Amino acid sequence: MTITGQVKRIHPIESVGANGFQKRKIWLETDKESKYPQLIEVECAGQKVGLADDLKEGDIVELEVNLNGRQWNDKVFNTISVWKATVKSSQPAPVATAPAPESDDSTLPF
């Protein structure tokens, strides 16, 4: 399944369990042109945790995902697992501007 949207937040890598299994969450906003845009959470886990390294907040991305679900104590938990990420449009890095020169008030005529 493919999901396209704008990266809203990239969470830091988490280590889970005694073996140090790693995962990283990404918040993705989809349907931006809609009256009701959706914010979904996807996850890069295990060997795929590095997929988020090249992504930046604000990028428009296309993610190939698998939907996973499991039952525990009469509840079902779902995970959207990313296995491929492609940047479609990248936000330019903010341009650093030189600070304005400080004025010397002693030279002002008033």
N, C-alpha and C. Protein backbone atom coordinates (compact mmCIF):
# COMPACT_ATOMS: atom_id res chain seq x y z
N MET A 1 0.84 -1.17 0.00
CA MET A 1 0.00 0.00 0.00
C MET A 1 0.89 1.24 0.00
N THR A 2 0.45 2.28 -0.67
CA THR A 2 1.21 3.53 -0.78
C THR A 2 0.45 4.65 -0.08
N ILE A 3 1.18 5.45 0.69
CA ILE A 3 0.62 6.63 1.35
C ILE A 3 1.47 7.83 0.95
N THR A 4 0.82 8.93 0.53
CA THR A 4 1.53 10.15 0.18
C THR A 4 1.07 11.26 1.12
N GLY A 5 2.03 12.04 1.62
CA GLY A 5 1.68 13.13 2.51
C GLY A 5 2.88 13.97 2.87
N GLN A 6 2.67 14.92 3.77
CA GLN A 6 3.73 15.81 4.22
C GLN A 6 4.20 15.38 5.61
N VAL A 7 5.51 15.30 5.77
CA VAL A 7 6.09 14.93 7.05
C VAL A 7 5.88 16.08 8.03
N LYS A 8 5.21 15.77 9.13
CA LYS A 8 4.96 16.79 10.16
C LYS A 8 5.95 16.68 11.31
N ARG A 9 6.34 15.45 11.64
CA ARG A 9 7.29 15.28 12.74
C ARG A 9 8.01 13.95 12.58
N ILE A 10 9.31 13.96 12.87
CA ILE A 10 10.12 12.74 12.88
C ILE A 10 10.60 12.58 14.32
N HIS A 11 10.17 11.52 14.95
CA HIS A 11 10.51 11.27 16.35
C HIS A 11 11.90 10.64 16.42
N PRO A 12 12.57 10.75 17.56
CA PRO A 12 13.88 10.11 17.71
C PRO A 12 13.73 8.59 17.76
N ILE A 13 14.84 7.90 17.52
CA ILE A 13 14.86 6.43 17.55
C ILE A 13 14.65 5.97 19.00
N GLU A 14 13.78 4.98 19.17
CA GLU A 14 13.52 4.38 20.48
C GLU A 14 14.07 2.97 20.50
N SER A 15 14.60 2.55 21.63
CA SER A 15 14.99 1.16 21.84
C SER A 15 13.92 0.51 22.70
N VAL A 16 13.43 -0.65 22.26
CA VAL A 16 12.32 -1.32 22.93
C VAL A 16 12.75 -2.73 23.32
N GLY A 17 12.41 -3.13 24.52
CA GLY A 17 12.67 -4.50 24.95
C GLY A 17 14.10 -4.74 25.41
N ALA A 18 14.32 -5.95 25.89
CA ALA A 18 15.62 -6.32 26.44
C ALA A 18 16.70 -6.43 25.38
N ASN A 19 16.31 -6.73 24.14
CA ASN A 19 17.29 -6.89 23.06
C ASN A 19 17.61 -5.58 22.35
N GLY A 20 16.96 -4.48 22.74
CA GLY A 20 17.26 -3.19 22.13
C GLY A 20 16.69 -3.02 20.73
N PHE A 21 15.53 -3.65 20.43
CA PHE A 21 14.88 -3.48 19.13
C PHE A 21 14.59 -2.00 18.93
N GLN A 22 14.93 -1.48 17.74
CA GLN A 22 14.80 -0.04 17.48
C GLN A 22 13.61 0.25 16.58
N LYS A 23 12.95 1.38 16.87
CA LYS A 23 11.86 1.86 16.02
C LYS A 23 11.84 3.38 16.05
N ARG A 24 11.23 3.95 15.02
CA ARG A 24 11.14 5.41 14.90
C ARG A 24 9.78 5.74 14.31
N LYS A 25 9.09 6.69 14.94
CA LYS A 25 7.76 7.09 14.48
C LYS A 25 7.85 8.36 13.64
N ILE A 26 6.96 8.43 12.65
CA ILE A 26 6.86 9.60 11.78
C ILE A 26 5.39 10.00 11.73
N TRP A 27 5.12 11.29 11.89
CA TRP A 27 3.76 11.79 11.71
C TRP A 27 3.65 12.33 10.30
N LEU A 28 2.62 11.90 9.60
CA LEU A 28 2.41 12.25 8.20
C LEU A 28 1.01 12.84 8.03
N GLU A 29 0.94 14.03 7.41
CA GLU A 29 -0.36 14.65 7.14
C GLU A 29 -0.76 14.33 5.71
N THR A 30 -1.92 13.71 5.58
CA THR A 30 -2.43 13.34 4.25
C THR A 30 -3.68 14.17 3.96
N ASP A 31 -4.12 14.15 2.73
CA ASP A 31 -5.34 14.85 2.30
C ASP A 31 -5.31 16.33 2.66
N LYS A 32 -4.17 16.99 2.42
CA LYS A 32 -4.02 18.40 2.78
C LYS A 32 -5.02 19.31 2.07
N GLU A 33 -5.41 18.95 0.85
CA GLU A 33 -6.35 19.79 0.10
C GLU A 33 -7.78 19.56 0.54
N SER A 34 -8.01 18.54 1.33
CA SER A 34 -9.34 18.20 1.81
C SER A 34 -9.77 19.14 2.92
N LYS A 35 -11.05 19.18 3.17
CA LYS A 35 -11.57 19.94 4.29
C LYS A 35 -11.15 19.30 5.61
N TYR A 36 -10.87 18.00 5.56
CA TYR A 36 -10.50 17.25 6.76
C TYR A 36 -9.18 16.52 6.56
N PRO A 37 -8.04 17.24 6.61
CA PRO A 37 -6.75 16.55 6.47
C PRO A 37 -6.55 15.57 7.62
N GLN A 38 -5.82 14.49 7.35
CA GLN A 38 -5.60 13.44 8.34
C GLN A 38 -4.14 13.44 8.78
N LEU A 39 -3.92 13.26 10.07
CA LEU A 39 -2.57 13.11 10.62
C LEU A 39 -2.45 11.66 11.06
N ILE A 40 -1.54 10.92 10.43
CA ILE A 40 -1.37 9.51 10.78
C ILE A 40 0.06 9.27 11.26
N GLU A 41 0.20 8.24 12.07
CA GLU A 41 1.51 7.87 12.59
C GLU A 41 1.94 6.57 11.91
N VAL A 42 3.13 6.60 11.32
CA VAL A 42 3.72 5.40 10.72
C VAL A 42 5.00 5.10 11.47
N GLU A 43 5.53 3.89 11.24
CA GLU A 43 6.68 3.45 12.03
C GLU A 43 7.72 2.79 11.14
N CYS A 44 8.98 3.18 11.33
CA CYS A 44 10.12 2.49 10.72
C CYS A 44 10.74 1.66 11.85
N ALA A 45 10.86 0.35 11.64
CA ALA A 45 11.32 -0.51 12.72
C ALA A 45 12.38 -1.49 12.23
N GLY A 46 13.21 -1.93 13.17
CA GLY A 46 14.23 -2.94 12.87
C GLY A 46 15.24 -2.42 11.86
N GLN A 47 15.45 -3.18 10.79
CA GLN A 47 16.43 -2.80 9.76
C GLN A 47 15.98 -1.58 8.96
N LYS A 48 14.71 -1.22 9.03
CA LYS A 48 14.18 -0.09 8.27
C LYS A 48 14.21 1.22 9.06
N VAL A 49 14.76 1.21 10.27
CA VAL A 49 14.76 2.40 11.11
C VAL A 49 15.51 3.56 10.45
N GLY A 50 16.48 3.28 9.60
CA GLY A 50 17.27 4.31 8.93
C GLY A 50 16.56 4.99 7.77
N LEU A 51 15.38 4.50 7.37
CA LEU A 51 14.65 5.13 6.26
C LEU A 51 14.30 6.59 6.55
N ALA A 52 14.13 6.94 7.80
CA ALA A 52 13.74 8.30 8.16
C ALA A 52 14.93 9.25 8.21
N ASP A 53 16.16 8.74 8.08
CA ASP A 53 17.34 9.60 8.19
C ASP A 53 17.40 10.67 7.10
N ASP A 54 16.90 10.37 5.90
CA ASP A 54 16.97 11.32 4.80
C ASP A 54 15.72 12.21 4.70
N LEU A 55 14.76 12.01 5.58
CA LEU A 55 13.54 12.80 5.55
C LEU A 55 13.68 14.02 6.44
N LYS A 56 12.98 15.09 6.05
CA LYS A 56 12.95 16.31 6.85
C LYS A 56 11.50 16.71 7.06
N GLU A 57 11.24 17.38 8.15
CA GLU A 57 9.90 17.89 8.39
C GLU A 57 9.55 18.87 7.28
N GLY A 58 8.36 18.72 6.71
CA GLY A 58 7.92 19.55 5.60
C GLY A 58 8.03 18.87 4.25
N ASP A 59 8.83 17.80 4.14
CA ASP A 59 8.97 17.06 2.88
C ASP A 59 7.64 16.40 2.49
N ILE A 60 7.38 16.38 1.19
CA ILE A 60 6.27 15.59 0.66
C ILE A 60 6.87 14.24 0.29
N VAL A 61 6.32 13.17 0.86
CA VAL A 61 6.90 11.85 0.68
C VAL A 61 5.86 10.85 0.22
N GLU A 62 6.35 9.79 -0.42
CA GLU A 62 5.53 8.65 -0.78
C GLU A 62 6.10 7.46 -0.02
N LEU A 63 5.27 6.85 0.82
CA LEU A 63 5.71 5.75 1.65
C LEU A 63 5.04 4.45 1.22
N GLU A 64 5.83 3.41 1.08
CA GLU A 64 5.30 2.07 0.86
C GLU A 64 5.18 1.44 2.24
N VAL A 65 3.99 0.96 2.59
CA VAL A 65 3.74 0.49 3.95
C VAL A 65 3.02 -0.86 3.96
N ASN A 66 3.11 -1.52 5.09
CA ASN A 66 2.32 -2.71 5.40
C ASN A 66 1.46 -2.38 6.62
N LEU A 67 0.22 -2.87 6.60
CA LEU A 67 -0.65 -2.72 7.76
C LEU A 67 -0.53 -3.98 8.60
N ASN A 68 -0.22 -3.81 9.88
CA ASN A 68 -0.06 -4.94 10.79
C ASN A 68 -1.02 -4.78 11.95
N GLY A 69 -1.54 -5.90 12.44
CA GLY A 69 -2.44 -5.87 13.58
C GLY A 69 -2.25 -7.09 14.45
N ARG A 70 -2.51 -6.92 15.73
CA ARG A 70 -2.41 -8.05 16.66
C ARG A 70 -3.42 -7.84 17.79
N GLN A 71 -3.84 -8.96 18.37
CA GLN A 71 -4.81 -8.92 19.46
C GLN A 71 -4.10 -9.14 20.78
N TRP A 72 -4.53 -8.39 21.80
CA TRP A 72 -4.00 -8.57 23.14
C TRP A 72 -5.09 -8.15 24.14
N ASN A 73 -5.45 -9.03 25.03
CA ASN A 73 -6.47 -8.75 26.06
C ASN A 73 -7.77 -8.18 25.47
N ASP A 74 -8.32 -8.85 24.50
CA ASP A 74 -9.57 -8.44 23.84
C ASP A 74 -9.49 -7.06 23.19
N LYS A 75 -8.31 -6.63 22.82
CA LYS A 75 -8.12 -5.39 22.07
C LYS A 75 -7.27 -5.70 20.85
N VAL A 76 -7.44 -4.91 19.81
CA VAL A 76 -6.64 -5.05 18.60
C VAL A 76 -5.78 -3.81 18.46
N PHE A 77 -4.48 -4.02 18.24
CA PHE A 77 -3.53 -2.93 18.05
C PHE A 77 -3.04 -2.97 16.62
N ASN A 78 -3.04 -1.82 15.95
CA ASN A 78 -2.60 -1.72 14.56
C ASN A 78 -1.32 -0.91 14.45
N THR A 79 -0.49 -1.28 13.47
CA THR A 79 0.74 -0.55 13.19
C THR A 79 0.84 -0.39 11.68
N ILE A 80 1.26 0.79 11.25
CA ILE A 80 1.55 1.03 9.83
C ILE A 80 3.06 1.04 9.71
N SER A 81 3.62 0.00 9.11
CA SER A 81 5.08 -0.19 9.03
C SER A 81 5.60 0.24 7.66
N VAL A 82 6.57 1.14 7.65
CA VAL A 82 7.17 1.64 6.41
C VAL A 82 8.28 0.69 5.97
N TRP A 83 8.29 0.35 4.67
CA TRP A 83 9.39 -0.46 4.14
C TRP A 83 10.11 0.23 2.99
N LYS A 84 9.58 1.38 2.51
CA LYS A 84 10.26 2.17 1.48
C LYS A 84 9.76 3.60 1.58
N ALA A 85 10.68 4.57 1.48
CA ALA A 85 10.33 5.99 1.53
C ALA A 85 10.97 6.72 0.36
N THR A 86 10.16 7.52 -0.34
CA THR A 86 10.64 8.30 -1.47
C THR A 86 10.23 9.76 -1.27
N VAL A 87 11.20 10.67 -1.32
CA VAL A 87 10.91 12.10 -1.19
C VAL A 87 10.44 12.60 -2.56
N LYS A 88 9.23 13.14 -2.61
CA LYS A 88 8.67 13.69 -3.85
C LYS A 88 8.98 15.17 -4.00
N SER A 89 9.00 15.88 -2.90
CA SER A 89 9.27 17.31 -2.91
C SER A 89 9.89 17.67 -1.56
N SER A 90 11.03 18.34 -1.62
CA SER A 90 11.74 18.68 -0.39
C SER A 90 11.59 20.16 -0.10
N GLN A 91 11.45 20.50 1.16
CA GLN A 91 11.39 21.89 1.56
C GLN A 91 12.80 22.46 1.55
N PRO A 92 13.00 23.64 0.99
CA PRO A 92 14.34 24.23 1.03
C PRO A 92 14.74 24.56 2.46
N ALA A 93 16.01 24.44 2.72
CA ALA A 93 16.53 24.80 4.04
C ALA A 93 16.39 26.30 4.23
N PRO A 94 16.10 26.74 5.45
CA PRO A 94 15.97 28.17 5.68
C PRO A 94 17.28 28.88 5.37
N VAL A 95 17.17 30.02 4.71
CA VAL A 95 18.34 30.80 4.32
C VAL A 95 18.78 31.64 5.51
N ALA A 96 20.03 31.50 5.86
CA ALA A 96 20.57 32.30 6.97
C ALA A 96 20.82 33.72 6.47
N THR A 97 20.32 34.68 7.21
CA THR A 97 20.52 36.07 6.82
C THR A 97 21.52 36.70 7.78
N ALA A 98 22.28 37.61 7.25
CA ALA A 98 23.27 38.32 8.07
C ALA A 98 22.53 39.26 9.00
N PRO A 99 22.96 39.37 10.23
CA PRO A 99 22.29 40.30 11.14
C PRO A 99 22.46 41.74 10.67
N ALA A 100 21.45 42.53 10.94
CA ALA A 100 21.51 43.94 10.54
C ALA A 100 22.61 44.63 11.34
N PRO A 101 23.35 45.51 10.68
CA PRO A 101 24.42 46.20 11.42
C PRO A 101 23.81 47.06 12.52
N GLU A 102 24.48 47.07 13.65
CA GLU A 102 23.98 47.86 14.77
C GLU A 102 24.30 49.32 14.52
N SER A 103 23.31 50.15 14.80
CA SER A 103 23.53 51.58 14.56
C SER A 103 24.25 52.20 15.76
N ASP A 104 25.02 53.18 15.45
CA ASP A 104 25.74 53.92 16.48
C ASP A 104 24.91 55.16 16.78
N ASP A 105 24.24 55.15 17.91
CA ASP A 105 23.33 56.25 18.25
C ASP A 105 24.05 57.59 18.42
N SER A 106 25.34 57.60 18.58
CA SER A 106 26.06 58.86 18.81
C SER A 106 26.14 59.69 17.53
N THR A 107 25.90 59.08 16.36
CA THR A 107 25.99 59.84 15.12
C THR A 107 24.65 60.37 14.64
N LEU A 108 23.60 60.06 15.37
CA LEU A 108 22.27 60.54 14.96
C LEU A 108 22.14 62.02 15.24
N PRO A 109 21.47 62.76 14.33
CA PRO A 109 21.36 64.20 14.51
C PRO A 109 20.36 64.61 15.59
N PHE A 110 19.63 63.72 16.16
CA PHE A 110 18.63 64.11 17.16
C PHE A 110 18.78 63.33 18.43
